PDB file of N, CA and C in Angstrom:
ATOM      1  N   UNK A   1     -18.085 159.466   8.086  1.00  0.00           N
ATOM      2  CA  UNK A   1     -18.529 158.314   8.818  1.00  0.00           C
ATOM      3  C   UNK A   1     -19.536 157.494   8.022  1.00  0.00           C
ATOM      4  N   UNK A   2     -20.461 158.184   7.364  1.00  0.00           N
ATOM      5  CA  UNK A   2     -21.486 157.477   6.604  1.00  0.00           C
ATOM      6  C   UNK A   2     -21.112 157.313   5.136  1.00  0.00           C
ATOM      7  N   UNK A   3     -19.864 157.560   4.799  1.00  0.00           N
ATOM      8  CA  UNK A   3     -19.456 157.503   3.400  1.00  0.00           C
ATOM      9  C   UNK A   3     -19.403 156.085   2.854  1.00  0.00           C
ATOM     10  N   UNK A   4     -19.166 155.104   3.697  1.00  0.00           N
ATOM     11  CA  UNK A   4     -18.965 153.748   3.182  1.00  0.00           C
ATOM     12  C   UNK A   4     -19.891 152.732   3.858  1.00  0.00           C
ATOM     13  N   UNK A   5     -21.178 153.042   3.944  1.00  0.00           N
ATOM     14  CA  UNK A   5     -22.131 152.088   4.513  1.00  0.00           C
ATOM     15  C   UNK A   5     -22.264 150.893   3.576  1.00  0.00           C
ATOM     16  N   UNK A   6     -22.499 151.143   2.317  1.00  0.00           N
ATOM     17  CA  UNK A   6     -22.605 150.075   1.341  1.00  0.00           C
ATOM     18  C   UNK A   6     -23.960 149.389   1.360  1.00  0.00           C
ATOM     19  N   UNK A   7     -24.148 148.467   0.442  1.00  0.00           N
ATOM     20  CA  UNK A   7     -25.406 147.750   0.302  1.00  0.00           C
ATOM     21  C   UNK A   7     -25.709 146.853   1.503  1.00  0.00           C
ATOM     22  N   UNK A   8     -24.740 146.092   2.018  1.00  0.00           N
ATOM     23  CA  UNK A   8     -25.068 145.255   3.190  1.00  0.00           C
ATOM     24  C   UNK A   8     -25.523 146.078   4.400  1.00  0.00           C
ATOM     25  N   UNK A   9     -24.913 147.218   4.620  1.00  0.00           N
ATOM     26  CA  UNK A   9     -25.310 148.079   5.723  1.00  0.00           C
ATOM     27  C   UNK A   9     -26.709 148.625   5.546  1.00  0.00           C
ATOM     28  N   UNK A  10     -27.043 149.037   4.323  1.00  0.00           N
ATOM     29  CA  UNK A  10     -28.383 149.538   4.057  1.00  0.00           C
ATOM     30  C   UNK A  10     -29.438 148.449   4.229  1.00  0.00           C
ATOM     31  N   UNK A  11     -29.117 147.240   3.782  1.00  0.00           N
ATOM     32  CA  UNK A  11     -30.050 146.128   3.957  1.00  0.00           C
ATOM     33  C   UNK A  11     -30.260 145.815   5.439  1.00  0.00           C
ATOM     34  N   UNK A  12     -29.207 145.866   6.226  1.00  0.00           N
ATOM     35  CA  UNK A  12     -29.320 145.617   7.652  1.00  0.00           C
ATOM     36  C   UNK A  12     -30.198 146.680   8.318  1.00  0.00           C
ATOM     37  N   UNK A  13     -30.012 147.926   7.949  1.00  0.00           N
ATOM     38  CA  UNK A  13     -30.832 149.009   8.489  1.00  0.00           C
ATOM     39  C   UNK A  13     -32.294 148.809   8.101  1.00  0.00           C
ATOM     40  N   UNK A  14     -32.551 148.438   6.850  1.00  0.00           N
ATOM     41  CA  UNK A  14     -33.927 148.210   6.391  1.00  0.00           C
ATOM     42  C   UNK A  14     -34.586 147.077   7.165  1.00  0.00           C
ATOM     43  N   UNK A  15     -33.858 145.993   7.417  1.00  0.00           N
ATOM     44  CA  UNK A  15     -34.411 144.858   8.164  1.00  0.00           C
ATOM     45  C   UNK A  15     -34.713 145.268   9.605  1.00  0.00           C
ATOM     46  N   UNK A  16     -33.827 146.023  10.227  1.00  0.00           N
ATOM     47  CA  UNK A  16     -34.048 146.457  11.612  1.00  0.00           C
ATOM     48  C   UNK A  16     -35.270 147.367  11.696  1.00  0.00           C
ATOM     49  N   UNK A  17     -35.413 148.297  10.762  1.00  0.00           N
ATOM     50  CA  UNK A  17     -36.575 149.187  10.751  1.00  0.00           C
ATOM     51  C   UNK A  17     -37.851 148.383  10.542  1.00  0.00           C
ATOM     52  N   UNK A  18     -37.817 147.412   9.640  1.00  0.00           N
ATOM     53  CA  UNK A  18     -38.987 146.578   9.370  1.00  0.00           C
ATOM     54  C   UNK A  18     -39.374 145.768  10.599  1.00  0.00           C
ATOM     55  N   UNK A  19     -38.405 145.220  11.301  1.00  0.00           N
ATOM     56  CA  UNK A  19     -38.690 144.434  12.500  1.00  0.00           C
ATOM     57  C   UNK A  19     -39.243 145.325  13.610  1.00  0.00           C
ATOM     58  N   UNK A  20     -38.671 146.506  13.786  1.00  0.00           N
ATOM     59  CA  UNK A  20     -39.106 147.395  14.861  1.00  0.00           C
ATOM     60  C   UNK A  20     -40.510 147.961  14.636  1.00  0.00           C
ATOM     61  N   UNK A  21     -40.807 148.390  13.430  1.00  0.00           N
ATOM     62  CA  UNK A  21     -42.050 149.101  13.175  1.00  0.00           C
ATOM     63  C   UNK A  21     -43.117 148.267  12.501  1.00  0.00           C
ATOM     64  N   UNK A  22     -42.754 147.202  11.842  1.00  0.00           N
ATOM     65  CA  UNK A  22     -43.738 146.373  11.158  1.00  0.00           C
ATOM     66  C   UNK A  22     -44.011 146.859   9.753  1.00  0.00           C
ATOM     67  N   UNK A  23     -44.528 145.930   8.941  1.00  0.00           N
ATOM     68  CA  UNK A  23     -44.746 146.199   7.527  1.00  0.00           C
ATOM     69  C   UNK A  23     -45.788 147.299   7.302  1.00  0.00           C
ATOM     70  N   UNK A  24     -46.874 147.281   8.049  1.00  0.00           N
ATOM     71  CA  UNK A  24     -47.949 148.252   7.851  1.00  0.00           C
ATOM     72  C   UNK A  24     -47.513 149.673   8.152  1.00  0.00           C
ATOM     73  N   UNK A  25     -46.785 149.849   9.245  1.00  0.00           N
ATOM     74  CA  UNK A  25     -46.345 151.190   9.644  1.00  0.00           C
ATOM     75  C   UNK A  25     -45.329 151.750   8.641  1.00  0.00           C
ATOM     76  N   UNK A  26     -44.407 150.904   8.189  1.00  0.00           N
ATOM     77  CA  UNK A  26     -43.388 151.358   7.236  1.00  0.00           C
ATOM     78  C   UNK A  26     -44.029 151.731   5.906  1.00  0.00           C
ATOM     79  N   UNK A  27     -44.984 150.916   5.437  1.00  0.00           N
ATOM     80  CA  UNK A  27     -45.614 151.219   4.145  1.00  0.00           C
ATOM     81  C   UNK A  27     -46.453 152.499   4.223  1.00  0.00           C
ATOM     82  N   UNK A  28     -47.134 152.725   5.345  1.00  0.00           N
ATOM     83  CA  UNK A  28     -47.907 153.963   5.466  1.00  0.00           C
ATOM     84  C   UNK A  28     -46.979 155.173   5.562  1.00  0.00           C
ATOM     85  N   UNK A  29     -45.850 155.010   6.232  1.00  0.00           N
ATOM     86  CA  UNK A  29     -44.882 156.099   6.326  1.00  0.00           C
ATOM     87  C   UNK A  29     -44.313 156.438   4.955  1.00  0.00           C
ATOM     88  N   UNK A  30     -43.986 155.422   4.164  1.00  0.00           N
ATOM     89  CA  UNK A  30     -43.457 155.672   2.822  1.00  0.00           C
ATOM     90  C   UNK A  30     -44.517 156.319   1.924  1.00  0.00           C
ATOM     91  N   UNK A  31     -45.789 155.951   2.128  1.00  0.00           N
ATOM     92  CA  UNK A  31     -46.867 156.587   1.373  1.00  0.00           C
ATOM     93  C   UNK A  31     -46.955 158.069   1.687  1.00  0.00           C
ATOM     94  N   UNK A  32     -46.805 158.416   2.973  1.00  0.00           N
ATOM     95  CA  UNK A  32     -46.839 159.825   3.367  1.00  0.00           C
ATOM     96  C   UNK A  32     -45.639 160.586   2.811  1.00  0.00           C
ATOM     97  N   UNK A  33     -44.480 159.951   2.790  1.00  0.00           N
ATOM     98  CA  UNK A  33     -43.289 160.592   2.210  1.00  0.00           C
ATOM     99  C   UNK A  33     -43.510 160.845   0.725  1.00  0.00           C
ATOM    100  N   UNK A  34     -44.089 159.880   0.029  1.00  0.00           N
ATOM    101  CA  UNK A  34     -44.382 160.046  -1.395  1.00  0.00           C
ATOM    102  C   UNK A  34     -45.351 161.186  -1.650  1.00  0.00           C
ATOM    103  N   UNK A  35     -46.392 161.291  -0.796  1.00  0.00           N
ATOM    104  CA  UNK A  35     -47.350 162.384  -0.943  1.00  0.00           C
ATOM    105  C   UNK A  35     -46.677 163.736  -0.705  1.00  0.00           C
ATOM    106  N   UNK A  36     -45.780 163.770   0.258  1.00  0.00           N
ATOM    107  CA  UNK A  36     -45.060 165.013   0.538  1.00  0.00           C
ATOM    108  C   UNK A  36     -44.180 165.442  -0.626  1.00  0.00           C
ATOM    109  N   UNK A  37     -43.492 164.487  -1.221  1.00  0.00           N
ATOM    110  CA  UNK A  37     -42.630 164.805  -2.368  1.00  0.00           C
ATOM    111  C   UNK A  37     -43.474 165.293  -3.536  1.00  0.00           C
ATOM    112  N   UNK A  38     -44.613 164.625  -3.767  1.00  0.00           N
ATOM    113  CA  UNK A  38     -45.504 165.033  -4.854  1.00  0.00           C
ATOM    114  C   UNK A  38     -46.035 166.451  -4.626  1.00  0.00           C
ATOM    115  N   UNK A  39     -46.431 166.763  -3.392  1.00  0.00           N
ATOM    116  CA  UNK A  39     -46.937 168.100  -3.088  1.00  0.00           C
ATOM    117  C   UNK A  39     -45.840 169.150  -3.258  1.00  0.00           C
ATOM    118  N   UNK A  40     -44.608 168.818  -2.873  1.00  0.00           N
ATOM    119  CA  UNK A  40     -43.500 169.753  -3.037  1.00  0.00           C
ATOM    120  C   UNK A  40     -43.246 170.042  -4.516  1.00  0.00           C
ATOM    121  N   UNK A  41     -43.208 169.000  -5.328  1.00  0.00           N
ATOM    122  CA  UNK A  41     -42.979 169.187  -6.767  1.00  0.00           C
ATOM    123  C   UNK A  41     -44.099 170.012  -7.392  1.00  0.00           C
ATOM    124  N   UNK A  42     -45.351 169.748  -6.975  1.00  0.00           N
ATOM    125  CA  UNK A  42     -46.482 170.501  -7.511  1.00  0.00           C
ATOM    126  C   UNK A  42     -46.363 171.976  -7.137  1.00  0.00           C
ATOM    127  N   UNK A  43     -45.957 172.254  -5.906  1.00  0.00           N
ATOM    128  CA  UNK A  43     -45.782 173.633  -5.477  1.00  0.00           C
ATOM    129  C   UNK A  43     -44.693 174.352  -6.249  1.00  0.00           C
ATOM    130  N   UNK A  44     -43.584 173.670  -6.500  1.00  0.00           N
ATOM    131  CA  UNK A  44     -42.493 174.271  -7.266  1.00  0.00           C
ATOM    132  C   UNK A  44     -42.951 174.558  -8.695  1.00  0.00           C
ATOM    133  N   UNK A  45     -43.645 173.604  -9.304  1.00  0.00           N
ATOM    134  CA  UNK A  45     -44.129 173.807 -10.674  1.00  0.00           C
ATOM    135  C   UNK A  45     -45.155 174.931 -10.744  1.00  0.00           C
ATOM    136  N   UNK A  46     -46.067 175.000  -9.766  1.00  0.00           N
ATOM    137  CA  UNK A  46     -47.060 176.072  -9.747  1.00  0.00           C
ATOM    138  C   UNK A  46     -46.387 177.431  -9.586  1.00  0.00           C
ATOM    139  N   UNK A  47     -45.379 177.504  -8.744  1.00  0.00           N
ATOM    140  CA  UNK A  47     -44.648 178.757  -8.567  1.00  0.00           C
ATOM    141  C   UNK A  47     -43.942 179.184  -9.843  1.00  0.00           C
ATOM    142  N   UNK A  48     -43.335 178.229 -10.539  1.00  0.00           N
ATOM    143  CA  UNK A  48     -42.651 178.549 -11.793  1.00  0.00           C
ATOM    144  C   UNK A  48     -43.649 179.020 -12.851  1.00  0.00           C
ATOM    145  N   UNK A  49     -44.809 178.376 -12.907  1.00  0.00           N
ATOM    146  CA  UNK A  49     -45.837 178.789 -13.873  1.00  0.00           C
ATOM    147  C   UNK A  49     -46.362 180.181 -13.552  1.00  0.00           C
ATOM    148  N   UNK A  50     -46.516 180.483 -12.261  1.00  0.00           N
ATOM    149  CA  UNK A  50     -47.004 181.798 -11.865  1.00  0.00           C
ATOM    150  C   UNK A  50     -46.010 182.881 -12.248  1.00  0.00           C
ATOM    151  N   UNK A  51     -44.738 182.618 -12.060  1.00  0.00           N
ATOM    152  CA  UNK A  51     -43.708 183.593 -12.435  1.00  0.00           C
ATOM    153  C   UNK A  51     -43.710 183.798 -13.944  1.00  0.00           C
ATOM    154  N   UNK A  52     -43.836 182.704 -14.708  1.00  0.00           N
ATOM    155  CA  UNK A  52     -43.859 182.824 -16.164  1.00  0.00           C
ATOM    156  C   UNK A  52     -45.101 183.580 -16.643  1.00  0.00           C
ATOM    157  N   UNK A  53     -46.240 183.355 -15.997  1.00  0.00           N
ATOM    158  CA  UNK A  53     -47.478 183.990 -16.453  1.00  0.00           C
ATOM    159  C   UNK A  53     -47.484 185.492 -16.176  1.00  0.00           C
ATOM    160  N   UNK A  54     -46.820 185.934 -15.121  1.00  0.00           N
ATOM    161  CA  UNK A  54     -46.789 187.366 -14.833  1.00  0.00           C
ATOM    162  C   UNK A  54     -45.767 188.084 -15.705  1.00  0.00           C
ATOM    163  N   UNK A  55     -44.799 187.368 -16.222  1.00  0.00           N
ATOM    164  CA  UNK A  55     -43.793 187.979 -17.081  1.00  0.00           C
ATOM    165  C   UNK A  55     -42.772 188.789 -16.324  1.00  0.00           C
ATOM    166  N   UNK A  56     -42.738 188.645 -15.007  1.00  0.00           N
ATOM    167  CA  UNK A  56     -41.791 189.395 -14.195  1.00  0.00           C
ATOM    168  C   UNK A  56     -40.588 188.530 -13.848  1.00  0.00           C
ATOM    169  N   UNK A  57     -39.500 189.215 -13.637  1.00  0.00           N
ATOM    170  CA  UNK A  57     -38.312 188.531 -13.152  1.00  0.00           C
ATOM    171  C   UNK A  57     -38.436 188.341 -11.644  1.00  0.00           C
ATOM    172  N   UNK A  58     -37.922 187.241 -11.105  1.00  0.00           N
ATOM    173  CA  UNK A  58     -37.930 187.093  -9.652  1.00  0.00           C
ATOM    174  C   UNK A  58     -37.154 188.234  -9.008  1.00  0.00           C
ATOM    175  N   UNK A  59     -37.622 188.734  -7.872  1.00  0.00           N
ATOM    176  CA  UNK A  59     -36.978 189.866  -7.221  1.00  0.00           C
ATOM    177  C   UNK A  59     -36.705 189.534  -5.765  1.00  0.00           C
ATOM    178  N   UNK A  60     -35.942 190.412  -5.148  1.00  0.00           N
ATOM    179  CA  UNK A  60     -35.571 190.209  -3.756  1.00  0.00           C
ATOM    180  C   UNK A  60     -36.771 190.419  -2.844  1.00  0.00           C
ATOM    181  N   UNK A  61     -36.676 189.871  -1.666  1.00  0.00           N
ATOM    182  CA  UNK A  61     -37.710 190.043  -0.658  1.00  0.00           C
ATOM    183  C   UNK A  61     -37.641 191.477  -0.149  1.00  0.00           C
ATOM    184  N   UNK A  62     -38.795 192.169  -0.058  1.00  0.00           N
ATOM    185  CA  UNK A  62     -38.772 193.556   0.436  1.00  0.00           C
ATOM    186  C   UNK A  62     -38.239 193.625   1.867  1.00  0.00           C
ATOM    187  N   UNK A  63     -37.475 194.656   2.128  1.00  0.00           N
ATOM    188  CA  UNK A  63     -36.949 194.849   3.467  1.00  0.00           C
ATOM    189  C   UNK A  63     -35.579 194.234   3.686  1.00  0.00           C
ATOM    190  N   UNK A  64     -35.111 193.456   2.750  1.00  0.00           N
ATOM    191  CA  UNK A  64     -33.785 192.862   2.890  1.00  0.00           C
ATOM    192  C   UNK A  64     -32.814 193.561   1.957  1.00  0.00           C
ATOM    193  N   UNK A  65     -31.630 193.840   2.469  1.00  0.00           N
ATOM    194  CA  UNK A  65     -30.608 194.471   1.644  1.00  0.00           C
ATOM    195  C   UNK A  65     -29.886 193.392   0.845  1.00  0.00           C
ATOM    196  N   UNK A  66     -29.418 193.781  -0.328  1.00  0.00           N
ATOM    197  CA  UNK A  66     -28.603 192.864  -1.115  1.00  0.00           C
ATOM    198  C   UNK A  66     -27.273 192.669  -0.412  1.00  0.00           C
ATOM    199  N   UNK A  67     -26.796 191.460  -0.412  1.00  0.00           N
ATOM    200  CA  UNK A  67     -25.530 191.174   0.262  1.00  0.00           C
ATOM    201  C   UNK A  67     -24.357 191.473  -0.650  1.00  0.00           C
ATOM    202  N   UNK A  68     -23.355 192.081  -0.078  1.00  0.00           N
ATOM    203  CA  UNK A  68     -22.118 192.343  -0.804  1.00  0.00           C
ATOM    204  C   UNK A  68     -21.226 191.119  -0.654  1.00  0.00           C
ATOM    205  N   UNK A  69     -20.935 190.458  -1.763  1.00  0.00           N
ATOM    206  CA  UNK A  69     -20.156 189.223  -1.699  1.00  0.00           C
ATOM    207  C   UNK A  69     -18.710 189.426  -2.122  1.00  0.00           C
ATOM    208  N   UNK A  70     -18.283 190.681  -2.229  1.00  0.00           N
ATOM    209  CA  UNK A  70     -16.893 190.916  -2.587  1.00  0.00           C
ATOM    210  C   UNK A  70     -16.011 190.588  -1.386  1.00  0.00           C
ATOM    211  N   UNK A  71     -14.880 189.940  -1.619  1.00  0.00           N
ATOM    212  CA  UNK A  71     -14.014 189.577  -0.499  1.00  0.00           C
ATOM    213  C   UNK A  71     -13.427 190.815   0.160  1.00  0.00           C
ATOM    214  N   UNK A  72     -13.425 190.810   1.458  1.00  0.00           N
ATOM    215  CA  UNK A  72     -12.883 191.928   2.213  1.00  0.00           C
ATOM    216  C   UNK A  72     -11.446 191.596   2.644  1.00  0.00           C
ATOM    217  N   UNK A  73     -10.567 192.588   2.603  1.00  0.00           N
ATOM    218  CA  UNK A  73      -9.186 192.314   3.029  1.00  0.00           C
ATOM    219  C   UNK A  73      -9.168 192.006   4.521  1.00  0.00           C
ATOM    220  N   UNK A  74      -8.314 191.085   4.888  1.00  0.00           N
ATOM    221  CA  UNK A  74      -8.193 190.724   6.300  1.00  0.00           C
ATOM    222  C   UNK A  74      -6.923 191.330   6.857  1.00  0.00           C
ATOM    223  N   UNK A  75      -6.960 191.713   8.099  1.00  0.00           N
ATOM    224  CA  UNK A  75      -5.793 192.294   8.766  1.00  0.00           C
ATOM    225  C   UNK A  75      -5.107 191.205   9.568  1.00  0.00           C
ATOM    226  N   UNK A  76      -4.067 190.640   8.994  1.00  0.00           N
ATOM    227  CA  UNK A  76      -3.308 189.587   9.677  1.00  0.00           C
ATOM    228  C   UNK A  76      -1.961 190.155  10.075  1.00  0.00           C
ATOM    229  N   UNK A  77      -1.857 190.510  11.299  1.00  0.00           N
ATOM    230  CA  UNK A  77      -0.597 191.101  11.783  1.00  0.00           C
ATOM    231  C   UNK A  77       0.233 190.063  12.467  1.00  0.00           C
TER     232      UNK A  77
END
């Protein structure tokens, strides 16, 4: 359904959002989205650095069994 919105559709959506919420609200919302993306990237980078500094390989979460991904035969009668 959303595969063929195209540029005119996106522009129409942007204009409707701008009219409904106003310039100030939209710009503050986009600022918060940008801060969230920056914090996410920083967290991912910090996690990668921590793994590299310990010299350990990432491991499974304790208490969870490894999943068997081998295909099981199905009984189709």
